[in-house]
N, C-alpha and C. Protein backbone atom coordinates (compact mmCIF):
# COMPACT_ATOMS: atom_id res chain seq x y z
N UNK A 1 84.78 -104.04 -29.33
CA UNK A 1 83.59 -104.64 -28.74
C UNK A 1 83.96 -106.05 -28.28
N UNK A 2 83.49 -106.44 -27.11
CA UNK A 2 83.75 -107.80 -26.64
C UNK A 2 83.13 -108.81 -27.60
N UNK A 3 83.69 -110.02 -27.59
CA UNK A 3 83.15 -111.06 -28.46
C UNK A 3 81.70 -111.35 -28.10
N UNK A 4 80.88 -111.36 -29.10
CA UNK A 4 79.50 -111.77 -28.88
C UNK A 4 79.01 -112.41 -30.16
N UNK A 5 78.30 -113.48 -30.00
CA UNK A 5 77.80 -114.22 -31.14
C UNK A 5 76.29 -114.03 -31.21
N UNK A 6 75.83 -113.35 -32.24
CA UNK A 6 74.39 -113.13 -32.34
C UNK A 6 73.64 -114.43 -32.61
N UNK A 7 72.49 -114.52 -32.05
CA UNK A 7 71.60 -115.64 -32.32
C UNK A 7 70.70 -115.24 -33.48
N UNK A 8 70.61 -116.06 -34.48
CA UNK A 8 69.78 -115.68 -35.63
C UNK A 8 68.30 -115.65 -35.26
N UNK A 9 67.64 -114.63 -35.71
CA UNK A 9 66.19 -114.54 -35.57
C UNK A 9 65.70 -113.64 -36.69
N UNK A 10 64.41 -113.61 -36.87
CA UNK A 10 63.85 -112.88 -37.97
C UNK A 10 62.82 -111.87 -37.49
N UNK A 11 62.87 -110.67 -38.05
CA UNK A 11 61.85 -109.66 -37.80
C UNK A 11 61.09 -109.45 -39.11
N UNK A 12 59.81 -109.21 -39.01
CA UNK A 12 59.01 -108.91 -40.18
C UNK A 12 58.58 -107.45 -40.11
N UNK A 13 59.17 -106.58 -40.92
CA UNK A 13 58.74 -105.19 -40.92
C UNK A 13 57.26 -105.10 -41.29
N UNK A 14 56.55 -104.17 -40.65
CA UNK A 14 55.13 -104.03 -40.94
C UNK A 14 54.81 -102.79 -41.76
N UNK A 15 55.81 -101.93 -42.00
CA UNK A 15 55.57 -100.74 -42.80
C UNK A 15 56.70 -99.74 -42.68
N UNK A 16 56.36 -98.48 -42.92
CA UNK A 16 57.33 -97.37 -42.90
C UNK A 16 56.78 -96.23 -42.05
N UNK A 17 57.70 -95.42 -41.55
CA UNK A 17 57.34 -94.22 -40.79
C UNK A 17 57.73 -93.00 -41.62
N UNK A 18 56.79 -92.10 -41.82
CA UNK A 18 57.04 -90.88 -42.60
C UNK A 18 56.85 -89.68 -41.69
N UNK A 19 57.85 -88.84 -41.62
CA UNK A 19 57.79 -87.64 -40.79
C UNK A 19 57.15 -86.52 -41.60
N UNK A 20 56.20 -85.79 -40.99
CA UNK A 20 55.49 -84.73 -41.69
C UNK A 20 56.41 -83.55 -42.00
N UNK A 21 57.37 -83.26 -41.12
CA UNK A 21 58.30 -82.15 -41.32
C UNK A 21 59.64 -82.70 -41.75
N UNK A 22 60.37 -81.91 -42.53
CA UNK A 22 61.64 -82.41 -43.03
C UNK A 22 62.85 -81.93 -42.22
N UNK A 23 62.68 -80.96 -41.30
CA UNK A 23 63.85 -80.51 -40.57
C UNK A 23 64.32 -81.58 -39.58
N UNK A 24 65.66 -81.71 -39.39
CA UNK A 24 66.17 -82.78 -38.53
C UNK A 24 65.85 -82.56 -37.06
N UNK A 25 65.82 -83.65 -36.32
CA UNK A 25 65.62 -83.59 -34.88
C UNK A 25 66.87 -83.01 -34.24
N UNK A 26 66.74 -82.21 -33.17
CA UNK A 26 67.91 -81.63 -32.54
C UNK A 26 68.74 -82.63 -31.75
N UNK A 27 68.13 -83.69 -31.25
CA UNK A 27 68.84 -84.67 -30.43
C UNK A 27 67.91 -85.84 -30.20
N UNK A 28 68.46 -86.92 -29.65
CA UNK A 28 67.64 -88.07 -29.32
C UNK A 28 67.08 -87.94 -27.92
N UNK A 29 67.02 -86.74 -27.38
CA UNK A 29 66.61 -86.53 -25.99
C UNK A 29 65.16 -86.09 -25.87
N UNK A 30 64.37 -86.73 -24.98
CA UNK A 30 62.99 -86.28 -24.77
C UNK A 30 62.93 -84.95 -24.03
N UNK A 31 64.08 -84.42 -23.59
CA UNK A 31 64.10 -83.13 -22.92
C UNK A 31 63.82 -82.00 -23.90
N UNK A 32 63.91 -82.27 -25.20
CA UNK A 32 63.65 -81.24 -26.20
C UNK A 32 62.17 -81.21 -26.53
N UNK A 33 61.51 -80.03 -26.40
CA UNK A 33 60.08 -79.94 -26.70
C UNK A 33 59.78 -80.15 -28.17
N UNK A 34 60.78 -80.07 -29.03
CA UNK A 34 60.60 -80.23 -30.46
C UNK A 34 60.23 -81.66 -30.85
N UNK A 35 60.16 -82.56 -29.89
CA UNK A 35 59.84 -83.95 -30.19
C UNK A 35 58.34 -84.17 -30.40
N UNK A 36 57.54 -83.15 -30.25
CA UNK A 36 56.11 -83.28 -30.47
C UNK A 36 55.84 -83.03 -31.95
N UNK A 37 56.00 -84.07 -32.75
CA UNK A 37 55.88 -83.94 -34.21
C UNK A 37 54.82 -84.89 -34.74
N UNK A 38 54.42 -84.61 -35.97
CA UNK A 38 53.45 -85.48 -36.63
C UNK A 38 54.16 -86.46 -37.55
N UNK A 39 53.65 -87.67 -37.57
CA UNK A 39 54.17 -88.75 -38.40
C UNK A 39 53.00 -89.49 -39.02
N UNK A 40 53.28 -90.17 -40.12
CA UNK A 40 52.33 -91.10 -40.69
C UNK A 40 52.97 -92.48 -40.64
N UNK A 41 52.28 -93.39 -40.00
CA UNK A 41 52.71 -94.78 -39.94
C UNK A 41 51.99 -95.50 -41.07
N UNK A 42 52.74 -95.91 -42.08
CA UNK A 42 52.15 -96.56 -43.25
C UNK A 42 52.35 -98.07 -43.13
N UNK A 43 51.28 -98.77 -42.82
CA UNK A 43 51.36 -100.22 -42.70
C UNK A 43 51.25 -100.86 -44.08
N UNK A 44 52.05 -101.90 -44.30
CA UNK A 44 51.91 -102.66 -45.54
C UNK A 44 50.50 -103.22 -45.59
N UNK A 45 49.94 -103.31 -46.78
CA UNK A 45 48.54 -103.72 -46.96
C UNK A 45 48.20 -105.03 -46.26
N UNK A 46 49.14 -105.96 -46.23
CA UNK A 46 48.88 -107.26 -45.62
C UNK A 46 48.58 -107.15 -44.12
N UNK A 47 48.99 -106.04 -43.49
CA UNK A 47 48.76 -105.85 -42.05
C UNK A 47 47.57 -104.95 -41.74
N UNK A 48 46.80 -104.57 -42.75
CA UNK A 48 45.67 -103.67 -42.54
C UNK A 48 44.68 -104.18 -41.49
N UNK A 49 44.38 -105.46 -41.50
CA UNK A 49 43.44 -106.02 -40.52
C UNK A 49 43.91 -105.79 -39.09
N UNK A 50 45.21 -105.68 -38.90
CA UNK A 50 45.76 -105.43 -37.58
C UNK A 50 45.40 -104.07 -37.02
N UNK A 51 44.85 -103.18 -37.85
CA UNK A 51 44.44 -101.83 -37.41
C UNK A 51 43.07 -101.82 -36.74
N UNK A 52 42.30 -102.88 -36.93
CA UNK A 52 40.96 -102.90 -36.36
C UNK A 52 41.03 -102.78 -34.84
N UNK A 53 40.28 -101.84 -34.30
CA UNK A 53 40.28 -101.59 -32.87
C UNK A 53 41.17 -100.43 -32.46
N UNK A 54 42.03 -99.95 -33.36
CA UNK A 54 42.89 -98.81 -33.01
C UNK A 54 42.07 -97.55 -32.71
N UNK A 55 40.90 -97.46 -33.29
CA UNK A 55 40.06 -96.27 -33.05
C UNK A 55 39.51 -96.23 -31.62
N UNK A 56 39.76 -97.27 -30.83
CA UNK A 56 39.28 -97.30 -29.45
C UNK A 56 40.36 -96.90 -28.44
N UNK A 57 41.57 -96.63 -28.93
CA UNK A 57 42.65 -96.24 -28.01
C UNK A 57 43.20 -94.88 -28.44
N UNK A 58 43.92 -94.22 -27.53
CA UNK A 58 44.41 -92.87 -27.82
C UNK A 58 45.90 -92.82 -28.15
N UNK A 59 46.71 -93.73 -27.58
CA UNK A 59 48.16 -93.66 -27.74
C UNK A 59 48.75 -95.01 -28.13
N UNK A 60 49.84 -94.94 -28.88
CA UNK A 60 50.56 -96.13 -29.31
C UNK A 60 52.01 -96.09 -28.85
N UNK A 61 52.55 -97.25 -28.59
CA UNK A 61 53.99 -97.42 -28.47
C UNK A 61 54.45 -97.92 -29.83
N UNK A 62 55.44 -97.23 -30.40
CA UNK A 62 55.90 -97.50 -31.75
C UNK A 62 57.31 -98.07 -31.70
N UNK A 63 57.53 -99.23 -32.29
CA UNK A 63 58.86 -99.83 -32.36
C UNK A 63 59.35 -99.75 -33.79
N UNK A 64 60.60 -99.33 -33.97
CA UNK A 64 61.14 -99.11 -35.31
C UNK A 64 62.63 -99.40 -35.32
N UNK A 65 63.19 -99.55 -36.52
CA UNK A 65 64.59 -99.88 -36.70
C UNK A 65 65.40 -98.60 -36.89
N UNK A 66 66.46 -98.45 -36.09
CA UNK A 66 67.36 -97.30 -36.19
C UNK A 66 68.43 -97.64 -37.23
N UNK A 67 68.17 -97.32 -38.46
CA UNK A 67 68.95 -97.84 -39.59
C UNK A 67 70.40 -97.36 -39.66
N UNK A 68 70.74 -96.24 -39.04
CA UNK A 68 72.11 -95.74 -39.11
C UNK A 68 72.91 -96.00 -37.84
N UNK A 69 72.40 -96.85 -36.98
CA UNK A 69 73.06 -97.12 -35.69
C UNK A 69 74.37 -97.87 -35.88
N UNK A 70 75.31 -97.58 -34.97
CA UNK A 70 76.57 -98.31 -34.89
C UNK A 70 76.37 -99.40 -33.84
N UNK A 71 76.30 -100.64 -34.26
CA UNK A 71 75.97 -101.75 -33.36
C UNK A 71 77.14 -102.18 -32.48
N UNK A 72 78.33 -101.61 -32.68
CA UNK A 72 79.50 -102.00 -31.89
C UNK A 72 79.71 -101.10 -30.67
N UNK A 73 78.96 -100.03 -30.54
CA UNK A 73 79.15 -99.06 -29.46
C UNK A 73 78.53 -99.59 -28.15
N UNK A 74 79.29 -99.51 -27.06
CA UNK A 74 78.78 -99.92 -25.74
C UNK A 74 78.80 -98.78 -24.73
N UNK A 75 79.39 -97.62 -25.09
CA UNK A 75 79.39 -96.44 -24.22
C UNK A 75 78.96 -95.24 -25.04
N UNK A 76 78.36 -94.27 -24.35
CA UNK A 76 77.85 -93.08 -25.01
C UNK A 76 78.34 -91.85 -24.26
N UNK A 77 78.58 -90.77 -24.99
CA UNK A 77 78.96 -89.50 -24.39
C UNK A 77 77.75 -88.58 -24.37
N UNK A 78 77.30 -88.17 -23.19
CA UNK A 78 76.15 -87.28 -23.11
C UNK A 78 76.40 -85.96 -23.84
N UNK A 79 75.35 -85.33 -24.39
CA UNK A 79 75.52 -84.09 -25.13
C UNK A 79 76.08 -82.94 -24.28
N UNK A 80 75.94 -83.02 -22.95
CA UNK A 80 76.45 -81.95 -22.10
C UNK A 80 77.95 -82.06 -21.84
N UNK A 81 78.59 -83.08 -22.44
CA UNK A 81 80.03 -83.24 -22.28
C UNK A 81 80.43 -83.97 -21.01
N UNK A 82 79.47 -84.53 -20.29
CA UNK A 82 79.76 -85.27 -19.06
C UNK A 82 80.48 -86.57 -19.35
N UNK A 83 80.73 -87.33 -18.29
CA UNK A 83 81.40 -88.62 -18.42
C UNK A 83 80.56 -89.57 -19.26
N UNK A 84 81.25 -90.46 -19.99
CA UNK A 84 80.53 -91.43 -20.80
C UNK A 84 79.77 -92.40 -19.89
N UNK A 85 78.68 -92.91 -20.44
CA UNK A 85 77.83 -93.84 -19.71
C UNK A 85 77.59 -95.07 -20.58
N UNK A 86 77.17 -96.15 -19.97
CA UNK A 86 76.86 -97.36 -20.71
C UNK A 86 75.68 -97.13 -21.64
N UNK A 87 75.69 -97.80 -22.77
CA UNK A 87 74.68 -97.60 -23.79
C UNK A 87 73.26 -97.91 -23.29
N UNK A 88 73.14 -98.83 -22.33
CA UNK A 88 71.80 -99.20 -21.85
C UNK A 88 71.24 -98.16 -20.87
N UNK A 89 72.06 -97.21 -20.43
CA UNK A 89 71.59 -96.10 -19.61
C UNK A 89 71.49 -94.83 -20.45
N UNK A 90 71.52 -94.98 -21.73
CA UNK A 90 71.60 -93.87 -22.67
C UNK A 90 70.43 -93.87 -23.64
N UNK A 91 70.19 -92.73 -24.27
CA UNK A 91 69.18 -92.62 -25.32
C UNK A 91 69.78 -92.69 -26.71
N UNK A 92 71.06 -92.99 -26.80
CA UNK A 92 71.75 -93.05 -28.08
C UNK A 92 71.11 -94.10 -28.99
N UNK A 93 71.10 -93.81 -30.29
CA UNK A 93 70.59 -94.81 -31.24
C UNK A 93 71.62 -95.91 -31.49
N UNK A 94 72.87 -95.66 -31.12
CA UNK A 94 73.91 -96.67 -31.29
C UNK A 94 73.77 -97.71 -30.18
N UNK A 95 73.48 -98.95 -30.56
CA UNK A 95 73.28 -100.03 -29.59
C UNK A 95 73.35 -101.37 -30.31
N UNK A 96 73.58 -102.46 -29.58
CA UNK A 96 73.70 -103.77 -30.23
C UNK A 96 72.47 -104.16 -31.05
N UNK A 97 71.30 -103.85 -30.56
CA UNK A 97 70.05 -104.11 -31.29
C UNK A 97 69.34 -102.77 -31.45
N UNK A 98 69.56 -102.10 -32.57
CA UNK A 98 69.06 -100.73 -32.75
C UNK A 98 67.55 -100.65 -33.00
N UNK A 99 66.80 -100.96 -31.95
CA UNK A 99 65.35 -100.87 -32.03
C UNK A 99 64.92 -99.60 -31.31
N UNK A 100 64.25 -98.72 -32.04
CA UNK A 100 63.75 -97.48 -31.46
C UNK A 100 62.39 -97.70 -30.84
N UNK A 101 62.11 -96.89 -29.84
CA UNK A 101 60.85 -96.99 -29.11
C UNK A 101 60.31 -95.59 -28.91
N UNK A 102 59.09 -95.35 -29.35
CA UNK A 102 58.48 -94.03 -29.20
C UNK A 102 57.04 -94.16 -28.76
N UNK A 103 56.48 -93.04 -28.31
CA UNK A 103 55.09 -92.98 -27.91
C UNK A 103 54.41 -91.87 -28.69
N UNK A 104 53.22 -92.14 -29.17
CA UNK A 104 52.51 -91.14 -29.97
C UNK A 104 51.01 -91.24 -29.77
N UNK A 105 50.36 -90.09 -29.86
CA UNK A 105 48.90 -90.02 -29.80
C UNK A 105 48.35 -90.21 -31.20
N UNK A 106 47.29 -90.99 -31.30
CA UNK A 106 46.65 -91.20 -32.60
C UNK A 106 45.83 -89.96 -32.94
N UNK A 107 46.08 -89.40 -34.12
CA UNK A 107 45.31 -88.25 -34.61
C UNK A 107 44.12 -88.74 -35.43
N UNK A 108 44.40 -89.59 -36.40
CA UNK A 108 43.34 -90.17 -37.23
C UNK A 108 43.90 -91.41 -37.94
N UNK A 109 42.97 -92.24 -38.41
CA UNK A 109 43.35 -93.46 -39.12
C UNK A 109 42.62 -93.46 -40.46
N UNK A 110 43.37 -93.67 -41.54
CA UNK A 110 42.82 -93.76 -42.89
C UNK A 110 43.30 -95.08 -43.49
N UNK A 111 42.49 -96.10 -43.36
CA UNK A 111 42.84 -97.45 -43.82
C UNK A 111 44.17 -97.87 -43.22
N UNK A 112 45.23 -98.00 -44.04
CA UNK A 112 46.52 -98.47 -43.52
C UNK A 112 47.45 -97.32 -43.13
N UNK A 113 46.93 -96.09 -43.09
CA UNK A 113 47.72 -94.93 -42.68
C UNK A 113 47.27 -94.47 -41.30
N UNK A 114 48.18 -94.48 -40.36
CA UNK A 114 47.87 -94.04 -39.00
C UNK A 114 48.63 -92.74 -38.77
N UNK A 115 47.90 -91.65 -38.61
CA UNK A 115 48.51 -90.34 -38.39
C UNK A 115 48.63 -90.13 -36.88
N UNK A 116 49.84 -89.83 -36.43
CA UNK A 116 50.13 -89.70 -35.00
C UNK A 116 50.93 -88.44 -34.71
N UNK A 117 50.94 -88.06 -33.43
CA UNK A 117 51.78 -86.95 -32.96
C UNK A 117 52.47 -87.44 -31.70
N UNK A 118 53.80 -87.23 -31.66
CA UNK A 118 54.52 -87.65 -30.46
C UNK A 118 56.01 -87.66 -30.63
N UNK A 119 56.65 -88.50 -29.85
CA UNK A 119 58.10 -88.60 -29.80
C UNK A 119 58.53 -89.91 -30.46
N UNK A 120 58.83 -89.82 -31.75
CA UNK A 120 59.36 -90.96 -32.50
C UNK A 120 60.61 -90.43 -33.18
N UNK A 121 61.75 -90.67 -32.60
CA UNK A 121 63.00 -90.06 -33.06
C UNK A 121 63.64 -90.92 -34.14
N UNK A 122 63.14 -90.78 -35.37
CA UNK A 122 63.69 -91.57 -36.47
C UNK A 122 63.66 -90.76 -37.76
N UNK A 123 64.38 -91.26 -38.73
CA UNK A 123 64.39 -90.63 -40.04
C UNK A 123 63.13 -91.01 -40.81
N UNK A 124 62.70 -90.10 -41.66
CA UNK A 124 61.56 -90.39 -42.51
C UNK A 124 61.91 -91.58 -43.40
N UNK A 125 61.00 -92.53 -43.51
CA UNK A 125 61.24 -93.73 -44.29
C UNK A 125 61.79 -94.88 -43.47
N UNK A 126 61.92 -94.69 -42.14
CA UNK A 126 62.43 -95.76 -41.28
C UNK A 126 61.46 -96.94 -41.26
N UNK A 127 62.01 -98.11 -40.99
CA UNK A 127 61.23 -99.34 -40.97
C UNK A 127 60.42 -99.45 -39.69
N UNK A 128 59.13 -99.66 -39.82
CA UNK A 128 58.22 -99.84 -38.70
C UNK A 128 58.19 -101.33 -38.35
N UNK A 129 58.50 -101.65 -37.09
CA UNK A 129 58.56 -103.05 -36.66
C UNK A 129 57.29 -103.53 -35.98
N UNK A 130 56.68 -102.68 -35.14
CA UNK A 130 55.51 -103.12 -34.40
C UNK A 130 54.81 -101.92 -33.78
N UNK A 131 53.56 -102.12 -33.44
CA UNK A 131 52.74 -101.13 -32.73
C UNK A 131 52.11 -101.81 -31.53
N UNK A 132 52.06 -101.11 -30.42
CA UNK A 132 51.41 -101.62 -29.21
C UNK A 132 50.58 -100.50 -28.61
N UNK A 133 49.45 -100.83 -28.01
CA UNK A 133 48.71 -99.78 -27.29
C UNK A 133 49.52 -99.34 -26.07
N UNK A 134 49.44 -98.07 -25.75
CA UNK A 134 50.09 -97.56 -24.53
C UNK A 134 49.07 -97.64 -23.42
N UNK A 135 49.40 -98.37 -22.38
CA UNK A 135 48.44 -98.62 -21.30
C UNK A 135 48.58 -97.59 -20.19
N UNK A 136 47.52 -97.43 -19.40
CA UNK A 136 47.49 -96.44 -18.33
C UNK A 136 48.48 -96.75 -17.22
N UNK A 137 48.91 -98.01 -17.06
CA UNK A 137 49.86 -98.35 -16.00
C UNK A 137 51.29 -97.94 -16.35
N UNK A 138 51.54 -97.59 -17.62
CA UNK A 138 52.88 -97.12 -17.99
C UNK A 138 53.04 -95.68 -17.52
N UNK A 139 54.23 -95.31 -17.00
CA UNK A 139 54.39 -93.95 -16.48
C UNK A 139 54.22 -92.90 -17.57
N UNK A 140 53.53 -91.84 -17.23
CA UNK A 140 53.40 -90.70 -18.13
C UNK A 140 54.75 -90.03 -18.25
N UNK A 141 55.02 -89.33 -19.36
CA UNK A 141 56.32 -88.70 -19.53
C UNK A 141 56.76 -87.80 -18.37
N UNK A 142 55.82 -87.09 -17.72
CA UNK A 142 56.21 -86.21 -16.62
C UNK A 142 56.52 -86.99 -15.34
N UNK A 143 56.19 -88.27 -15.30
CA UNK A 143 56.48 -89.11 -14.13
C UNK A 143 57.72 -89.96 -14.33
N UNK A 144 58.21 -90.03 -15.55
CA UNK A 144 59.31 -90.93 -15.88
C UNK A 144 60.64 -90.40 -15.35
N UNK A 145 61.51 -91.30 -14.97
CA UNK A 145 62.88 -90.96 -14.59
C UNK A 145 63.69 -91.01 -15.87
N UNK A 146 64.32 -89.88 -16.24
CA UNK A 146 65.04 -89.78 -17.49
C UNK A 146 66.45 -90.31 -17.38
N UNK A 147 66.99 -90.84 -18.49
CA UNK A 147 68.39 -91.28 -18.49
C UNK A 147 69.31 -90.09 -18.29
N UNK A 148 70.55 -90.38 -17.96
CA UNK A 148 71.52 -89.32 -17.67
C UNK A 148 71.79 -88.42 -18.88
N UNK A 149 71.61 -88.90 -20.11
CA UNK A 149 71.91 -88.08 -21.26
C UNK A 149 70.65 -87.38 -21.81
N UNK A 150 69.61 -87.28 -21.01
CA UNK A 150 68.36 -86.64 -21.46
C UNK A 150 68.42 -85.12 -21.37
N UNK A 151 69.46 -84.58 -20.79
CA UNK A 151 69.58 -83.13 -20.69
C UNK A 151 68.92 -82.60 -19.44
N UNK A 152 68.93 -81.26 -19.30
CA UNK A 152 68.38 -80.66 -18.07
C UNK A 152 66.88 -80.80 -17.96
């Protein structure tokens, strides 16, 4: 990896992500229909007030920490065996700042537990970093241009 000096900064985890099913994800690709799964986003009690108003929106953007990522990787090999591509054009969890990004529909909210269904490609027990409402101006999944390693 080329020399790079990280700038110190601090993240405050807001909770954990629990996957309802225990079978592993087939890939980090949104091309797999198996990504429509249920999760429970468990916010630490101190962040409970931050849930107020969530009942007025339908979808969330979920940011989380990819705990097993290799932070030194700058190229990725697509699952189809094609030529390697730069990590920023890839869906690989290996990246300099392993922050995962997913979108999920809110199913129900029980105090600090937010039950969702969607594409959050992480291990059960992963660290939840932030939640954002998904706005209508963001492209819907069927309108999005997929990265080269997203599959057919």
